[in-house]
Amino acid sequence: MKQILCMAALFAGVTALVKAEDWSGILIDATCYEQRQQEKTVSCSANTGTTVFALSVSGKIYKLDAAGSAKAAAALKYAKPVSGPVADPGLPPVSTGVKATVTGTEAGGMIMVESVGLQ
């Protein structure tokens, strides 16, 4: 009985640590961003040809895991671009972009995605 209680307590503790969070920002093409970080004039907006996605949240870039990129690509087929410029410090200027809310857990700058919602 004591072992069962210890296991239940351990499971509850681990579950609390792995709670999903939400991030809202602009979807970007992660490959473009990685290749062109130094070029401040290049747009790395995500588009229907993007295969590896990242999310720009207040100037911080979070790469999406492979499953998250697949979910973003599927959702992007039906998205409407944001009108007007999107200003994110440290990110090349973006003339259009797709606002997204990503739910998942973050580790080392990468989000293990549970869901992607486009706005």
C-alpha atoms as a PDB file:
ATOM      1  CA  MET A   1       0.000   0.000   0.000  1.00  0.00           C
ATOM      2  CA  LYS A   2       2.864   2.343   0.847  1.00  0.00           C
ATOM      3  CA  GLN A   3       4.399   1.771  -2.608  1.00  0.00           C
ATOM      4  CA  ILE A   4       1.110   2.577  -4.313  1.00  0.00           C
ATOM      5  CA  LEU A   5       0.812   5.865  -2.433  1.00  0.00           C
ATOM      6  CA  CYS A   6       4.420   6.780  -3.261  1.00  0.00           C
ATOM      7  CA  MET A   7       3.851   6.010  -6.947  1.00  0.00           C
ATOM      8  CA  ALA A   8       0.629   8.058  -6.980  1.00  0.00           C
ATOM      9  CA  ALA A   9       2.413  11.017  -5.383  1.00  0.00           C
ATOM     10  CA  LEU A  10       5.292  10.752  -7.858  1.00  0.00           C
ATOM     11  CA  PHE A  11       2.892  10.591 -10.810  1.00  0.00           C
ATOM     12  CA  ALA A  12       0.979  13.643  -9.550  1.00  0.00           C
ATOM     13  CA  GLY A  13       4.234  15.581  -9.180  1.00  0.00           C
ATOM     14  CA  VAL A  14       5.464  14.714 -12.664  1.00  0.00           C
ATOM     15  CA  THR A  15       2.080  15.545 -14.188  1.00  0.00           C
ATOM     16  CA  ALA A  16       2.129  18.980 -12.555  1.00  0.00           C
ATOM     17  CA  LEU A  17       5.570  19.700 -14.021  1.00  0.00           C
ATOM     18  CA  VAL A  18       4.525  18.815 -17.583  1.00  0.00           C
ATOM     19  CA  LYS A  19       1.550  21.166 -17.805  1.00  0.00           C
ATOM     20  CA  ALA A  20       0.865  22.530 -21.254  1.00  0.00           C
ATOM     21  CA  GLU A  21       1.142  26.267 -21.861  1.00  0.00           C
ATOM     22  CA  ASP A  22      -0.159  28.608 -24.555  1.00  0.00           C
ATOM     23  CA  TRP A  23       1.959  30.928 -26.704  1.00  0.00           C
ATOM     24  CA  SER A  24       0.524  33.521 -29.095  1.00  0.00           C
ATOM     25  CA  GLY A  25       2.584  35.062 -31.858  1.00  0.00           C
ATOM     26  CA  ILE A  26       3.380  34.997 -35.559  1.00  0.00           C
ATOM     27  CA  LEU A  27       4.222  31.804 -37.447  1.00  0.00           C
ATOM     28  CA  ILE A  28       7.514  32.046 -39.302  1.00  0.00           C
ATOM     29  CA  ASP A  29       9.570  29.826 -41.573  1.00  0.00           C
ATOM     30  CA  ALA A  30      12.181  28.409 -39.161  1.00  0.00           C
ATOM     31  CA  THR A  31      14.602  27.391 -41.927  1.00  0.00           C
ATOM     32  CA  CYS A  32      14.567  30.891 -43.441  1.00  0.00           C
ATOM     33  CA  TYR A  33      14.983  32.483 -40.021  1.00  0.00           C
ATOM     34  CA  GLU A  34      17.990  30.299 -39.135  1.00  0.00           C
ATOM     35  CA  GLN A  35      19.675  31.017 -42.473  1.00  0.00           C
ATOM     36  CA  ARG A  36      19.013  34.772 -42.485  1.00  0.00           C
ATOM     37  CA  GLN A  37      19.137  35.962 -38.869  1.00  0.00           C
ATOM     38  CA  GLN A  38      21.751  38.597 -39.695  1.00  0.00           C
ATOM     39  CA  GLU A  39      19.815  40.056 -42.643  1.00  0.00           C
ATOM     40  CA  LYS A  40      17.293  42.379 -41.009  1.00  0.00           C
ATOM     41  CA  THR A  41      15.538  43.132 -44.314  1.00  0.00           C
ATOM     42  CA  VAL A  42      14.491  39.589 -45.182  1.00  0.00           C
ATOM     43  CA  SER A  43      10.955  38.423 -44.485  1.00  0.00           C
ATOM     44  CA  CYS A  44      10.629  34.919 -43.095  1.00  0.00           C
ATOM     45  CA  SER A  45       6.845  34.765 -43.054  1.00  0.00           C
ATOM     46  CA  ALA A  46       5.413  31.278 -43.054  1.00  0.00           C
ATOM     47  CA  ASN A  47       3.572  30.290 -46.199  1.00  0.00           C
ATOM     48  CA  THR A  48       2.012  27.194 -47.699  1.00  0.00           C
ATOM     49  CA  GLY A  49       5.463  26.005 -48.831  1.00  0.00           C
ATOM     50  CA  THR A  50       6.913  26.152 -45.310  1.00  0.00           C
ATOM     51  CA  THR A  51       7.751  22.760 -43.794  1.00  0.00           C
ATOM     52  CA  VAL A  52       9.585  23.739 -40.577  1.00  0.00           C
ATOM     53  CA  PHE A  53       7.818  26.319 -38.428  1.00  0.00           C
ATOM     54  CA  ALA A  54       8.694  28.551 -35.526  1.00  0.00           C
ATOM     55  CA  LEU A  55       6.621  30.984 -33.484  1.00  0.00           C
ATOM     56  CA  SER A  56       7.757  34.552 -32.877  1.00  0.00           C
ATOM     57  CA  VAL A  57       6.491  35.726 -29.487  1.00  0.00           C
ATOM     58  CA  SER A  58       7.505  39.249 -28.430  1.00  0.00           C
ATOM     59  CA  GLY A  59      10.895  38.935 -30.115  1.00  0.00           C
ATOM     60  CA  LYS A  60      11.630  35.426 -28.849  1.00  0.00           C
ATOM     61  CA  ILE A  61      11.649  32.566 -31.331  1.00  0.00           C
ATOM     62  CA  TYR A  62      10.316  29.127 -30.380  1.00  0.00           C
ATOM     63  CA  LYS A  63      10.856  26.335 -32.913  1.00  0.00           C
ATOM     64  CA  LEU A  64       7.972  23.862 -33.270  1.00  0.00           C
ATOM     65  CA  ASP A  65       8.617  20.129 -33.105  1.00  0.00           C
ATOM     66  CA  ALA A  66       8.022  17.977 -36.199  1.00  0.00           C
ATOM     67  CA  ALA A  67       4.440  17.130 -35.218  1.00  0.00           C
ATOM     68  CA  GLY A  68       3.773  20.808 -34.516  1.00  0.00           C
ATOM     69  CA  SER A  69       5.154  21.825 -37.901  1.00  0.00           C
ATOM     70  CA  ALA A  70       2.845  19.306 -39.560  1.00  0.00           C
ATOM     71  CA  LYS A  71      -0.145  20.716 -37.633  1.00  0.00           C
ATOM     72  CA  ALA A  72       0.833  24.282 -38.541  1.00  0.00           C
ATOM     73  CA  ALA A  73       1.212  23.362 -42.230  1.00  0.00           C
ATOM     74  CA  ALA A  74      -2.222  21.746 -42.274  1.00  0.00           C
ATOM     75  CA  ALA A  75      -3.831  24.740 -40.538  1.00  0.00           C
ATOM     76  CA  LEU A  76      -2.008  27.243 -42.756  1.00  0.00           C
ATOM     77  CA  LYS A  77      -3.775  25.938 -45.851  1.00  0.00           C
ATOM     78  CA  TYR A  78      -6.912  27.736 -44.618  1.00  0.00           C
ATOM     79  CA  ALA A  79      -5.368  30.808 -42.937  1.00  0.00           C
ATOM     80  CA  LYS A  80      -5.750  34.453 -43.876  1.00  0.00           C
ATOM     81  CA  PRO A  81      -2.647  36.662 -43.599  1.00  0.00           C
ATOM     82  CA  VAL A  82      -2.459  39.472 -41.069  1.00  0.00           C
ATOM     83  CA  SER A  83      -2.791  42.859 -42.721  1.00  0.00           C
ATOM     84  CA  GLY A  84      -0.014  45.321 -42.064  1.00  0.00           C
ATOM     85  CA  PRO A  85       3.498  45.000 -40.610  1.00  0.00           C
ATOM     86  CA  VAL A  86       4.297  42.925 -37.562  1.00  0.00           C
ATOM     87  CA  ALA A  87       7.105  44.315 -35.410  1.00  0.00           C
ATOM     88  CA  ASP A  88       9.168  41.816 -33.416  1.00  0.00           C
ATOM     89  CA  PRO A  89      12.569  42.959 -32.132  1.00  0.00           C
ATOM     90  CA  GLY A  90      15.366  40.721 -33.356  1.00  0.00           C
ATOM     91  CA  LEU A  91      13.242  39.331 -36.169  1.00  0.00           C
ATOM     92  CA  PRO A  92      13.542  40.439 -39.778  1.00  0.00           C
ATOM     93  CA  PRO A  93      10.684  42.747 -40.751  1.00  0.00           C
ATOM     94  CA  VAL A  94       7.549  40.890 -41.743  1.00  0.00           C
ATOM     95  CA  SER A  95       5.067  42.471 -44.098  1.00  0.00           C
ATOM     96  CA  THR A  96       2.383  39.851 -43.566  1.00  0.00           C
ATOM     97  CA  GLY A  97       2.102  36.960 -41.207  1.00  0.00           C
ATOM     98  CA  VAL A  98      -0.231  34.492 -39.662  1.00  0.00           C
ATOM     99  CA  LYS A  99      -1.144  34.931 -36.018  1.00  0.00           C
ATOM    100  CA  ALA A 100      -1.241  31.657 -34.133  1.00  0.00           C
ATOM    101  CA  THR A 101      -1.778  30.276 -30.664  1.00  0.00           C
ATOM    102  CA  VAL A 102       0.261  27.173 -29.913  1.00  0.00           C
ATOM    103  CA  THR A 103      -0.429  24.885 -26.962  1.00  0.00           C
ATOM    104  CA  GLY A 104       2.288  22.554 -25.731  1.00  0.00           C
ATOM    105  CA  THR A 105       5.325  22.223 -23.506  1.00  0.00           C
ATOM    106  CA  GLU A 106       8.590  24.096 -24.059  1.00  0.00           C
ATOM    107  CA  ALA A 107      12.065  22.662 -23.607  1.00  0.00           C
ATOM    108  CA  GLY A 108      15.243  24.368 -24.762  1.00  0.00           C
ATOM    109  CA  GLY A 109      13.503  26.810 -27.114  1.00  0.00           C
ATOM    110  CA  MET A 110      11.405  24.131 -28.800  1.00  0.00           C
ATOM    111  CA  ILE A 111       7.681  23.647 -28.242  1.00  0.00           C
ATOM    112  CA  MET A 112       6.348  20.079 -28.193  1.00  0.00           C
ATOM    113  CA  VAL A 113       3.038  20.987 -29.769  1.00  0.00           C
ATOM    114  CA  GLU A 114      -0.346  19.676 -28.717  1.00  0.00           C
ATOM    115  CA  SER A 115      -2.392  22.045 -30.876  1.00  0.00           C
ATOM    116  CA  VAL A 116      -2.094  24.981 -33.265  1.00  0.00           C
ATOM    117  CA  GLY A 117      -4.895  27.517 -33.613  1.00  0.00           C
ATOM    118  CA  LEU A 118      -4.745  30.258 -36.217  1.00  0.00           C
ATOM    119  CA  GLN A 119      -6.366  33.635 -35.737  1.00  0.00           C
END
